[in-house]
Amino acid sequence: MAEIPVITITGSQQKEPKQFFTRVFCLRKESPPLSLLIEYLKARGATPIIPPEVTDKLLNSWNWVGMEIGYAKDKKPILVTCVRKGGAQDDIFKQDIEGLLNFVEAHREIDNWRVADQLRGCRFYIADILDKNDITEEGYDFNGWILQFFQENCDGMVQIDGQGFYDEEGELLFELPPADDEPEPQAPPLPSPPIT
């Protein structure tokens, strides 16, 4: 079965995109079709914007790879991708899982075993790619609903770049270092010793 190509909403770019990733690492064998995600978003009062080329057949396919889903006409859409173990992107899957697993195992935290187990059992992950230069609070909420859909329906665990891994209640399980474009928290400078 051929994989579905990524469908793009065309539009002019004004700034160099600054990509920001959020992911859901899922234990379920198959990812649900995008039509179920669209219905989930609509049930939350959102109006997902789907590229006109996308047919019902594509939305109902279980073997999708990615699609841009808009949340506002004047904002760039969110690219929702699915990377499967043993699929066409298996090399990317292995590289991402191994990299995160090595990091988690190298940092002995109280709850790192939950994250390590989730990564080891992961069958596919959803990666949402957002443009930090062109997203609003509405867009972050919209993306949160996408993450929630896969977390709830696919035995998923959410991971946000520069933040960490979250449990189903939204509590931080394992902290990740800040993203490359975020400054490291700095300790306040120590006062100079008095001169005597």
N, C-alpha and C. Protein backbone atom coordinates (compact mmCIF):
# COMPACT_ATOMS: atom_id res chain seq x y z
N MET A 1 0.84 -1.18 0.00
CA MET A 1 0.00 0.00 0.00
C MET A 1 0.89 1.24 0.00
N ALA A 2 0.64 2.17 -0.92
CA ALA A 2 1.45 3.38 -1.03
C ALA A 2 1.12 4.33 0.12
N GLU A 3 2.13 5.05 0.58
CA GLU A 3 1.91 6.01 1.66
C GLU A 3 1.38 7.30 1.09
N ILE A 4 0.61 8.01 1.89
CA ILE A 4 -0.02 9.25 1.47
C ILE A 4 1.01 10.37 1.52
N PRO A 5 1.10 11.17 0.45
CA PRO A 5 2.06 12.27 0.48
C PRO A 5 1.58 13.37 1.42
N VAL A 6 2.51 14.20 1.86
CA VAL A 6 2.18 15.35 2.68
C VAL A 6 1.54 16.39 1.78
N ILE A 7 0.38 16.87 2.15
CA ILE A 7 -0.34 17.88 1.38
C ILE A 7 -0.04 19.24 2.02
N THR A 8 0.30 20.22 1.20
CA THR A 8 0.71 21.53 1.70
C THR A 8 -0.30 22.60 1.33
N ILE A 9 -0.60 23.47 2.30
CA ILE A 9 -1.39 24.66 2.03
C ILE A 9 -0.40 25.70 1.52
N THR A 10 -0.64 26.22 0.32
CA THR A 10 0.30 27.18 -0.25
C THR A 10 0.04 28.57 0.30
N GLY A 11 1.08 29.36 0.40
CA GLY A 11 0.98 30.72 0.89
C GLY A 11 2.35 31.36 0.92
N SER A 12 2.39 32.67 1.00
CA SER A 12 3.68 33.34 1.01
C SER A 12 4.31 33.29 2.39
N GLN A 13 5.62 33.14 2.41
CA GLN A 13 6.36 33.14 3.67
C GLN A 13 6.94 34.52 3.89
N GLN A 14 6.80 35.01 5.13
CA GLN A 14 7.31 36.33 5.41
C GLN A 14 8.61 36.28 6.19
N LYS A 15 8.73 35.36 7.13
CA LYS A 15 9.93 35.23 7.94
C LYS A 15 10.46 33.81 7.78
N GLU A 16 11.74 33.66 8.01
CA GLU A 16 12.32 32.32 8.02
C GLU A 16 11.62 31.52 9.12
N PRO A 17 11.04 30.36 8.79
CA PRO A 17 10.34 29.61 9.83
C PRO A 17 11.29 29.14 10.93
N LYS A 18 10.81 29.19 12.16
CA LYS A 18 11.56 28.69 13.30
C LYS A 18 10.76 27.49 13.81
N GLN A 19 11.22 26.30 13.42
CA GLN A 19 10.45 25.10 13.72
C GLN A 19 10.53 24.71 15.18
N PHE A 20 9.40 24.26 15.67
CA PHE A 20 9.24 23.83 17.04
C PHE A 20 8.46 22.51 16.99
N PHE A 21 8.98 21.47 17.66
CA PHE A 21 8.37 20.15 17.58
C PHE A 21 7.68 19.77 18.88
N THR A 22 6.53 19.15 18.73
CA THR A 22 5.85 18.48 19.83
C THR A 22 5.55 17.07 19.32
N ARG A 23 5.61 16.09 20.21
CA ARG A 23 5.43 14.71 19.77
C ARG A 23 4.54 13.94 20.74
N VAL A 24 3.98 12.85 20.23
CA VAL A 24 3.27 11.89 21.07
C VAL A 24 3.81 10.51 20.71
N PHE A 25 4.44 9.85 21.67
CA PHE A 25 5.00 8.51 21.47
C PHE A 25 3.92 7.50 21.87
N CYS A 26 3.50 6.69 20.89
CA CYS A 26 2.30 5.86 21.04
C CYS A 26 2.61 4.36 21.10
N LEU A 27 1.88 3.67 21.98
CA LEU A 27 2.03 2.22 22.14
C LEU A 27 1.07 1.44 21.25
N ARG A 28 -0.02 2.06 20.84
CA ARG A 28 -1.01 1.39 19.99
C ARG A 28 -0.36 0.96 18.68
N LYS A 29 -0.84 -0.13 18.08
CA LYS A 29 -0.23 -0.66 16.86
C LYS A 29 -0.39 0.27 15.66
N GLU A 30 -1.57 0.82 15.47
CA GLU A 30 -1.84 1.67 14.30
C GLU A 30 -2.31 3.05 14.73
N SER A 31 -1.94 4.04 13.93
CA SER A 31 -2.47 5.38 14.19
C SER A 31 -3.85 5.48 13.53
N PRO A 32 -4.79 6.19 14.17
CA PRO A 32 -6.12 6.31 13.59
C PRO A 32 -6.10 7.22 12.36
N PRO A 33 -7.12 7.09 11.50
CA PRO A 33 -7.18 7.97 10.34
C PRO A 33 -7.38 9.43 10.77
N LEU A 34 -6.94 10.34 9.93
CA LEU A 34 -7.03 11.76 10.25
C LEU A 34 -8.46 12.25 10.36
N SER A 35 -9.41 11.56 9.74
CA SER A 35 -10.81 11.98 9.83
C SER A 35 -11.27 11.96 11.29
N LEU A 36 -10.79 11.01 12.10
CA LEU A 36 -11.16 10.97 13.51
C LEU A 36 -10.56 12.15 14.28
N LEU A 37 -9.34 12.53 13.92
CA LEU A 37 -8.72 13.72 14.53
C LEU A 37 -9.53 14.97 14.18
N ILE A 38 -9.94 15.10 12.93
CA ILE A 38 -10.70 16.27 12.49
C ILE A 38 -12.01 16.36 13.28
N GLU A 39 -12.70 15.24 13.44
CA GLU A 39 -13.95 15.22 14.22
C GLU A 39 -13.69 15.60 15.68
N TYR A 40 -12.59 15.11 16.24
CA TYR A 40 -12.21 15.43 17.62
C TYR A 40 -12.00 16.94 17.77
N LEU A 41 -11.30 17.54 16.81
CA LEU A 41 -11.04 18.98 16.86
C LEU A 41 -12.34 19.78 16.74
N LYS A 42 -13.22 19.34 15.86
CA LYS A 42 -14.51 20.02 15.69
C LYS A 42 -15.34 19.93 16.96
N ALA A 43 -15.27 18.78 17.65
CA ALA A 43 -16.02 18.59 18.90
C ALA A 43 -15.54 19.54 19.99
N ARG A 44 -14.34 20.07 19.85
CA ARG A 44 -13.80 21.03 20.81
C ARG A 44 -14.03 22.47 20.38
N GLY A 45 -14.81 22.65 19.33
CA GLY A 45 -15.15 23.99 18.88
C GLY A 45 -14.17 24.57 17.88
N ALA A 46 -13.18 23.81 17.48
CA ALA A 46 -12.20 24.28 16.50
C ALA A 46 -12.76 24.11 15.09
N THR A 47 -12.21 24.87 14.17
CA THR A 47 -12.57 24.75 12.76
C THR A 47 -11.30 24.42 11.98
N PRO A 48 -10.94 23.13 11.90
CA PRO A 48 -9.71 22.76 11.20
C PRO A 48 -9.80 23.10 9.71
N ILE A 49 -8.71 23.66 9.20
CA ILE A 49 -8.64 24.02 7.78
C ILE A 49 -7.82 22.94 7.08
N ILE A 50 -8.48 22.24 6.16
CA ILE A 50 -7.86 21.13 5.43
C ILE A 50 -7.58 21.58 4.01
N PRO A 51 -6.42 21.23 3.45
CA PRO A 51 -6.14 21.59 2.06
C PRO A 51 -7.24 21.05 1.13
N PRO A 52 -7.62 21.83 0.11
CA PRO A 52 -8.72 21.42 -0.76
C PRO A 52 -8.45 20.12 -1.53
N GLU A 53 -7.17 19.78 -1.71
CA GLU A 53 -6.83 18.55 -2.45
C GLU A 53 -7.09 17.28 -1.65
N VAL A 54 -7.30 17.42 -0.36
CA VAL A 54 -7.46 16.25 0.51
C VAL A 54 -8.88 15.70 0.36
N THR A 55 -8.95 14.44 -0.04
CA THR A 55 -10.23 13.77 -0.25
C THR A 55 -10.63 12.98 0.99
N ASP A 56 -11.89 12.54 1.02
CA ASP A 56 -12.35 11.68 2.12
C ASP A 56 -11.54 10.39 2.17
N LYS A 57 -11.15 9.89 1.00
CA LYS A 57 -10.35 8.67 0.94
C LYS A 57 -9.02 8.86 1.68
N LEU A 58 -8.37 9.99 1.47
CA LEU A 58 -7.12 10.29 2.17
C LEU A 58 -7.34 10.46 3.68
N LEU A 59 -8.41 11.16 4.03
CA LEU A 59 -8.69 11.39 5.45
C LEU A 59 -9.03 10.10 6.20
N ASN A 60 -9.57 9.12 5.49
CA ASN A 60 -9.98 7.87 6.12
C ASN A 60 -8.93 6.77 6.02
N SER A 61 -7.78 7.07 5.46
CA SER A 61 -6.71 6.08 5.34
C SER A 61 -6.01 5.90 6.68
N TRP A 62 -5.68 4.67 6.99
CA TRP A 62 -4.94 4.35 8.22
C TRP A 62 -3.43 4.49 7.98
N ASN A 63 -3.03 4.63 6.74
CA ASN A 63 -1.61 4.63 6.39
C ASN A 63 -1.12 6.02 6.00
N TRP A 64 -1.58 7.03 6.68
CA TRP A 64 -1.19 8.40 6.34
C TRP A 64 0.22 8.70 6.87
N VAL A 65 0.87 9.69 6.24
CA VAL A 65 2.22 10.10 6.61
C VAL A 65 2.22 11.50 7.21
N GLY A 66 1.44 12.39 6.64
CA GLY A 66 1.41 13.75 7.16
C GLY A 66 0.45 14.63 6.41
N MET A 67 0.02 15.69 7.10
CA MET A 67 -0.87 16.67 6.48
C MET A 67 -0.79 17.96 7.29
N GLU A 68 -0.87 19.07 6.58
CA GLU A 68 -0.95 20.35 7.25
C GLU A 68 -2.41 20.61 7.63
N ILE A 69 -2.61 21.02 8.89
CA ILE A 69 -3.95 21.35 9.37
C ILE A 69 -3.91 22.77 9.91
N GLY A 70 -4.72 23.63 9.30
CA GLY A 70 -4.75 25.02 9.73
C GLY A 70 -5.75 25.25 10.85
N TYR A 71 -5.48 26.28 11.64
CA TYR A 71 -6.38 26.66 12.73
C TYR A 71 -6.92 28.07 12.53
N ALA A 72 -6.26 28.86 11.68
CA ALA A 72 -6.70 30.23 11.36
C ALA A 72 -6.22 30.56 9.94
N LYS A 73 -7.08 31.23 9.17
CA LYS A 73 -6.75 31.50 7.77
C LYS A 73 -5.50 32.36 7.60
N ASP A 74 -5.23 33.23 8.56
CA ASP A 74 -4.10 34.14 8.43
C ASP A 74 -2.82 33.63 9.11
N LYS A 75 -2.83 32.38 9.55
CA LYS A 75 -1.66 31.78 10.22
C LYS A 75 -1.23 30.52 9.49
N LYS A 76 0.07 30.22 9.61
CA LYS A 76 0.58 29.00 8.98
C LYS A 76 -0.01 27.79 9.67
N PRO A 77 -0.27 26.74 8.90
CA PRO A 77 -0.84 25.53 9.49
C PRO A 77 0.21 24.75 10.29
N ILE A 78 -0.28 23.79 11.05
CA ILE A 78 0.56 22.87 11.80
C ILE A 78 0.75 21.63 10.95
N LEU A 79 1.98 21.21 10.77
CA LEU A 79 2.26 19.98 10.02
C LEU A 79 2.20 18.81 11.00
N VAL A 80 1.25 17.91 10.79
CA VAL A 80 1.06 16.73 11.62
C VAL A 80 1.61 15.55 10.85
N THR A 81 2.66 14.90 11.40
CA THR A 81 3.28 13.77 10.71
C THR A 81 3.21 12.53 11.59
N CYS A 82 3.27 11.38 10.93
CA CYS A 82 3.27 10.10 11.63
C CYS A 82 4.49 9.31 11.19
N VAL A 83 5.35 8.96 12.14
CA VAL A 83 6.57 8.21 11.86
C VAL A 83 6.40 6.83 12.51
N ARG A 84 6.41 5.79 11.67
CA ARG A 84 6.12 4.43 12.12
C ARG A 84 7.36 3.56 12.22
N LYS A 85 7.36 2.71 13.23
CA LYS A 85 8.39 1.68 13.37
C LYS A 85 8.21 0.69 12.22
N GLY A 86 9.29 0.41 11.50
CA GLY A 86 9.22 -0.53 10.39
C GLY A 86 8.61 0.05 9.13
N GLY A 87 8.26 1.34 9.13
CA GLY A 87 7.66 1.99 7.96
C GLY A 87 8.73 2.60 7.07
N ALA A 88 8.29 3.42 6.14
CA ALA A 88 9.20 4.07 5.20
C ALA A 88 10.20 4.97 5.91
N GLN A 89 9.82 5.49 7.08
CA GLN A 89 10.70 6.37 7.84
C GLN A 89 11.36 5.63 9.00
N ASP A 90 11.59 4.33 8.85
CA ASP A 90 12.13 3.53 9.95
C ASP A 90 13.48 4.05 10.45
N ASP A 91 14.33 4.53 9.55
CA ASP A 91 15.63 5.07 9.97
C ASP A 91 15.45 6.29 10.88
N ILE A 92 14.52 7.16 10.52
CA ILE A 92 14.24 8.34 11.34
C ILE A 92 13.66 7.90 12.68
N PHE A 93 12.74 6.93 12.64
CA PHE A 93 12.12 6.41 13.86
C PHE A 93 13.20 5.90 14.82
N LYS A 94 14.08 5.03 14.31
CA LYS A 94 15.12 4.44 15.15
C LYS A 94 16.05 5.51 15.71
N GLN A 95 16.47 6.43 14.87
CA GLN A 95 17.39 7.48 15.30
C GLN A 95 16.76 8.34 16.40
N ASP A 96 15.52 8.75 16.22
CA ASP A 96 14.86 9.60 17.23
C ASP A 96 14.64 8.85 18.53
N ILE A 97 14.13 7.63 18.45
CA ILE A 97 13.86 6.84 19.66
C ILE A 97 15.16 6.55 20.41
N GLU A 98 16.18 6.10 19.68
CA GLU A 98 17.46 5.78 20.33
C GLU A 98 18.09 7.01 20.97
N GLY A 99 18.03 8.15 20.28
CA GLY A 99 18.61 9.37 20.83
C GLY A 99 17.92 9.80 22.12
N LEU A 100 16.60 9.79 22.11
CA LEU A 100 15.86 10.16 23.32
C LEU A 100 16.05 9.14 24.43
N LEU A 101 16.04 7.86 24.07
CA LEU A 101 16.21 6.80 25.06
C LEU A 101 17.59 6.90 25.72
N ASN A 102 18.63 7.14 24.94
CA ASN A 102 19.98 7.31 25.50
C ASN A 102 20.03 8.49 26.47
N PHE A 103 19.38 9.59 26.10
CA PHE A 103 19.37 10.76 26.97
C PHE A 103 18.63 10.46 28.27
N VAL A 104 17.46 9.83 28.15
CA VAL A 104 16.64 9.53 29.34
C VAL A 104 17.39 8.57 30.27
N GLU A 105 18.00 7.54 29.71
CA GLU A 105 18.70 6.56 30.54
C GLU A 105 19.97 7.12 31.17
N ALA A 106 20.57 8.12 30.53
CA ALA A 106 21.78 8.73 31.08
C ALA A 106 21.49 9.66 32.25
N HIS A 107 20.24 10.07 32.38
CA HIS A 107 19.84 10.98 33.44
C HIS A 107 18.90 10.25 34.38
N ARG A 108 19.43 9.79 35.46
CA ARG A 108 18.67 8.98 36.42
C ARG A 108 17.70 9.85 37.21
N GLU A 109 16.49 9.91 36.72
CA GLU A 109 15.43 10.66 37.39
C GLU A 109 14.47 9.66 38.01
N ILE A 110 13.65 10.11 38.94
CA ILE A 110 12.70 9.23 39.62
C ILE A 110 11.75 8.55 38.64
N ASP A 111 11.20 9.32 37.71
CA ASP A 111 10.21 8.76 36.79
C ASP A 111 10.77 8.47 35.41
N ASN A 112 12.09 8.40 35.25
CA ASN A 112 12.60 8.18 33.91
C ASN A 112 12.27 6.79 33.39
N TRP A 113 12.00 5.83 34.28
CA TRP A 113 11.63 4.48 33.83
C TRP A 113 10.33 4.51 33.04
N ARG A 114 9.37 5.38 33.40
CA ARG A 114 8.11 5.47 32.66
C ARG A 114 8.36 5.96 31.24
N VAL A 115 9.22 6.95 31.11
CA VAL A 115 9.54 7.48 29.79
C VAL A 115 10.33 6.44 28.99
N ALA A 116 11.31 5.81 29.60
CA ALA A 116 12.10 4.78 28.91
C ALA A 116 11.22 3.64 28.43
N ASP A 117 10.30 3.17 29.28
CA ASP A 117 9.38 2.10 28.87
C ASP A 117 8.50 2.53 27.70
N GLN A 118 8.03 3.77 27.73
CA GLN A 118 7.18 4.28 26.64
C GLN A 118 7.96 4.32 25.33
N LEU A 119 9.20 4.79 25.39
CA LEU A 119 10.02 4.86 24.18
C LEU A 119 10.34 3.46 23.64
N ARG A 120 10.65 2.53 24.53
CA ARG A 120 10.95 1.15 24.09
C ARG A 120 9.74 0.48 23.44
N GLY A 121 8.54 0.76 23.95
CA GLY A 121 7.33 0.13 23.43
C GLY A 121 6.67 0.88 22.29
N CYS A 122 7.21 2.04 21.94
CA CYS A 122 6.60 2.89 20.92
C CYS A 122 6.50 2.18 19.57
N ARG A 123 5.30 2.23 18.96
CA ARG A 123 5.06 1.64 17.64
C ARG A 123 5.07 2.71 16.55
N PHE A 124 4.67 3.92 16.93
CA PHE A 124 4.71 5.07 16.03
C PHE A 124 4.70 6.33 16.89
N TYR A 125 5.15 7.42 16.31
CA TYR A 125 4.98 8.69 17.02
C TYR A 125 4.45 9.75 16.07
N ILE A 126 3.71 10.65 16.65
CA ILE A 126 3.16 11.80 15.93
C ILE A 126 4.09 12.97 16.22
N ALA A 127 4.53 13.64 15.18
CA ALA A 127 5.36 14.83 15.35
C ALA A 127 4.61 16.00 14.73
N ASP A 128 4.28 16.98 15.56
CA ASP A 128 3.65 18.21 15.08
C ASP A 128 4.75 19.26 14.94
N ILE A 129 4.79 19.88 13.78
CA ILE A 129 5.81 20.89 13.52
C ILE A 129 5.12 22.24 13.42
N LEU A 130 5.51 23.14 14.32
CA LEU A 130 4.91 24.47 14.39
C LEU A 130 5.97 25.50 14.03
N ASP A 131 5.54 26.64 13.53
CA ASP A 131 6.44 27.75 13.24
C ASP A 131 6.30 28.76 14.38
N LYS A 132 7.32 28.86 15.23
CA LYS A 132 7.26 29.75 16.39
C LYS A 132 7.10 31.22 15.99
N ASN A 133 7.48 31.57 14.75
CA ASN A 133 7.34 32.95 14.29
C ASN A 133 5.92 33.28 13.85
N ASP A 134 5.06 32.27 13.75
CA ASP A 134 3.73 32.51 13.20
C ASP A 134 2.68 31.64 13.90
N ILE A 135 2.67 31.66 15.23
CA ILE A 135 1.66 30.91 15.96
C ILE A 135 1.13 31.77 17.11
N THR A 136 -0.13 31.57 17.40
CA THR A 136 -0.80 32.34 18.45
C THR A 136 -1.18 31.40 19.59
N GLU A 137 -1.74 31.97 20.64
CA GLU A 137 -2.25 31.14 21.74
C GLU A 137 -3.31 30.16 21.22
N GLU A 138 -4.13 30.64 20.29
CA GLU A 138 -5.14 29.76 19.67
C GLU A 138 -4.45 28.58 18.98
N GLY A 139 -3.33 28.83 18.33
CA GLY A 139 -2.59 27.77 17.67
C GLY A 139 -1.99 26.78 18.65
N TYR A 140 -1.46 27.28 19.77
CA TYR A 140 -0.92 26.38 20.79
C TYR A 140 -2.04 25.52 21.39
N ASP A 141 -3.22 26.12 21.61
CA ASP A 141 -4.36 25.35 22.11
C ASP A 141 -4.78 24.28 21.11
N PHE A 142 -4.83 24.67 19.84
CA PHE A 142 -5.20 23.75 18.76
C PHE A 142 -4.22 22.57 18.72
N ASN A 143 -2.93 22.88 18.81
CA ASN A 143 -1.92 21.83 18.83
C ASN A 143 -2.07 20.95 20.07
N GLY A 144 -2.41 21.56 21.19
CA GLY A 144 -2.64 20.79 22.42
C GLY A 144 -3.75 19.76 22.25
N TRP A 145 -4.79 20.12 21.52
CA TRP A 145 -5.89 19.18 21.26
C TRP A 145 -5.42 18.04 20.36
N ILE A 146 -4.56 18.36 19.39
CA ILE A 146 -4.01 17.30 18.53
C ILE A 146 -3.21 16.31 19.38
N LEU A 147 -2.34 16.84 20.24
CA LEU A 147 -1.55 15.98 21.12
C LEU A 147 -2.46 15.15 22.03
N GLN A 148 -3.48 15.79 22.59
CA GLN A 148 -4.40 15.11 23.49
C GLN A 148 -5.13 13.98 22.78
N PHE A 149 -5.54 14.19 21.53
CA PHE A 149 -6.24 13.16 20.77
C PHE A 149 -5.39 11.88 20.68
N PHE A 150 -4.12 12.05 20.30
CA PHE A 150 -3.27 10.87 20.15
C PHE A 150 -2.87 10.29 21.51
N GLN A 151 -2.70 11.12 22.50
CA GLN A 151 -2.39 10.62 23.84
C GLN A 151 -3.53 9.75 24.35
N GLU A 152 -4.76 10.23 24.22
CA GLU A 152 -5.92 9.50 24.72
C GLU A 152 -6.26 8.25 23.91
N ASN A 153 -6.12 8.32 22.60
CA ASN A 153 -6.59 7.25 21.73
C ASN A 153 -5.53 6.25 21.31
N CYS A 154 -4.27 6.53 21.62
CA CYS A 154 -3.19 5.66 21.13
C CYS A 154 -2.21 5.28 22.24
N ASP A 155 -2.65 5.37 23.50
CA ASP A 155 -1.75 5.09 24.63
C ASP A 155 -0.47 5.89 24.48
N GLY A 156 -0.61 7.19 24.30
CA GLY A 156 0.53 8.04 24.00
C GLY A 156 1.08 8.79 25.19
N MET A 157 2.31 9.24 25.03
CA MET A 157 2.98 10.11 26.01
C MET A 157 3.48 11.33 25.25
N VAL A 158 3.11 12.52 25.72
CA VAL A 158 3.47 13.77 25.06
C VAL A 158 4.89 14.18 25.42
N GLN A 159 5.60 14.69 24.42
CA GLN A 159 6.94 15.25 24.60
C GLN A 159 6.97 16.58 23.87
N ILE A 160 7.48 17.61 24.54
CA ILE A 160 7.60 18.94 23.94
C ILE A 160 9.06 19.36 23.99
N ASP A 161 9.59 19.74 22.82
CA ASP A 161 10.98 20.17 22.76
C ASP A 161 11.24 21.30 23.74
N GLY A 162 12.37 21.22 24.42
CA GLY A 162 12.76 22.25 25.36
C GLY A 162 12.01 22.20 26.68
N GLN A 163 11.08 21.25 26.82
CA GLN A 163 10.33 21.14 28.07
C GLN A 163 10.49 19.74 28.66
N GLY A 164 9.92 18.73 27.99
CA GLY A 164 10.06 17.38 28.50
C GLY A 164 8.93 16.47 28.12
N PHE A 165 8.80 15.38 28.89
CA PHE A 165 7.77 14.36 28.70
C PHE A 165 6.70 14.57 29.77
N TYR A 166 5.44 14.40 29.37
CA TYR A 166 4.32 14.65 30.26
C TYR A 166 3.44 13.41 30.41
N ASP A 167 2.87 13.24 31.60
CA ASP A 167 1.92 12.14 31.81
C ASP A 167 0.54 12.57 31.34
N GLU A 168 -0.43 11.66 31.49
CA GLU A 168 -1.79 11.93 30.99
C GLU A 168 -2.50 13.07 31.72
N GLU A 169 -2.04 13.45 32.90
CA GLU A 169 -2.62 14.59 33.61
C GLU A 169 -1.91 15.90 33.28
N GLY A 170 -0.92 15.85 32.43
CA GLY A 170 -0.18 17.05 32.06
C GLY A 170 0.94 17.40 33.01
N GLU A 171 1.29 16.47 33.90
CA GLU A 171 2.39 16.71 34.84
C GLU A 171 3.71 16.32 34.18
N LEU A 172 4.72 17.14 34.38
CA LEU A 172 6.04 16.88 33.82
C LEU A 172 6.65 15.65 34.49
N LEU A 173 6.98 14.64 33.68
CA LEU A 173 7.61 13.42 34.18
C LEU A 173 9.13 13.51 34.10
N PHE A 174 9.60 14.07 33.00
CA PHE A 174 11.04 14.09 32.75
C PHE A 174 11.37 15.36 31.98
N GLU A 175 12.23 16.18 32.56
CA GLU A 175 12.58 17.47 31.96
C GLU A 175 13.68 17.31 30.92
N LEU A 176 13.52 18.01 29.81
CA LEU A 176 14.54 18.06 28.76
C LEU A 176 15.23 19.42 28.80
N PRO A 177 16.45 19.49 28.29
CA PRO A 177 17.14 20.79 28.27
C PRO A 177 16.41 21.77 27.35
N PRO A 178 16.62 23.07 27.55
CA PRO A 178 15.98 24.06 26.68
C PRO A 178 16.34 23.83 25.22
N ALA A 179 15.42 24.20 24.33
CA ALA A 179 15.67 24.11 22.89
C ALA A 179 16.83 25.04 22.54
N ASP A 180 17.44 24.81 21.39
CA ASP A 180 18.63 25.55 20.97
C ASP A 180 18.46 27.07 21.00
N ASP A 181 17.25 27.55 20.67
CA ASP A 181 17.05 28.99 20.60
C ASP A 181 16.57 29.60 21.92
N GLU A 182 16.47 28.78 22.95
CA GLU A 182 16.06 29.29 24.25
C GLU A 182 17.28 29.41 25.15
N PRO A 183 17.40 30.51 25.87
CA PRO A 183 18.57 30.67 26.74
C PRO A 183 18.51 29.72 27.93
N GLU A 184 19.66 29.26 28.34
CA GLU A 184 19.77 28.45 29.56
C GLU A 184 19.46 29.34 30.75
N PRO A 185 18.74 28.82 31.74
CA PRO A 185 18.53 29.65 32.93
C PRO A 185 19.88 29.96 33.59
N GLN A 186 20.05 31.21 33.94
CA GLN A 186 21.32 31.65 34.52
C GLN A 186 21.15 31.85 36.02
N ALA A 187 22.12 31.42 36.77
CA ALA A 187 22.13 31.69 38.20
C ALA A 187 22.49 33.14 38.39
N PRO A 188 21.91 33.80 39.39
CA PRO A 188 22.26 35.20 39.62
C PRO A 188 23.75 35.32 39.97
N PRO A 189 24.39 36.40 39.53
CA PRO A 189 25.80 36.54 39.86
C PRO A 189 26.01 36.69 41.36
N LEU A 190 27.10 36.13 41.83
CA LEU A 190 27.43 36.24 43.24
C LEU A 190 28.02 37.62 43.50
N PRO A 191 27.68 38.20 44.66
CA PRO A 191 28.24 39.52 44.95
C PRO A 191 29.77 39.41 45.16
N SER A 192 30.44 40.46 44.79
CA SER A 192 31.89 40.50 44.98
C SER A 192 32.19 40.55 46.48
N PRO A 193 33.25 39.89 46.90
CA PRO A 193 33.60 39.99 48.31
C PRO A 193 34.06 41.40 48.64
N PRO A 194 33.75 41.87 49.84
CA PRO A 194 34.17 43.22 50.21
C PRO A 194 35.70 43.33 50.23
N ILE A 195 36.18 44.47 49.84
CA ILE A 195 37.62 44.71 49.86
C ILE A 195 37.98 45.23 51.24
N THR A 196 38.96 44.60 51.88
CA THR A 196 39.37 45.03 53.22
C THR A 196 40.80 45.47 53.25
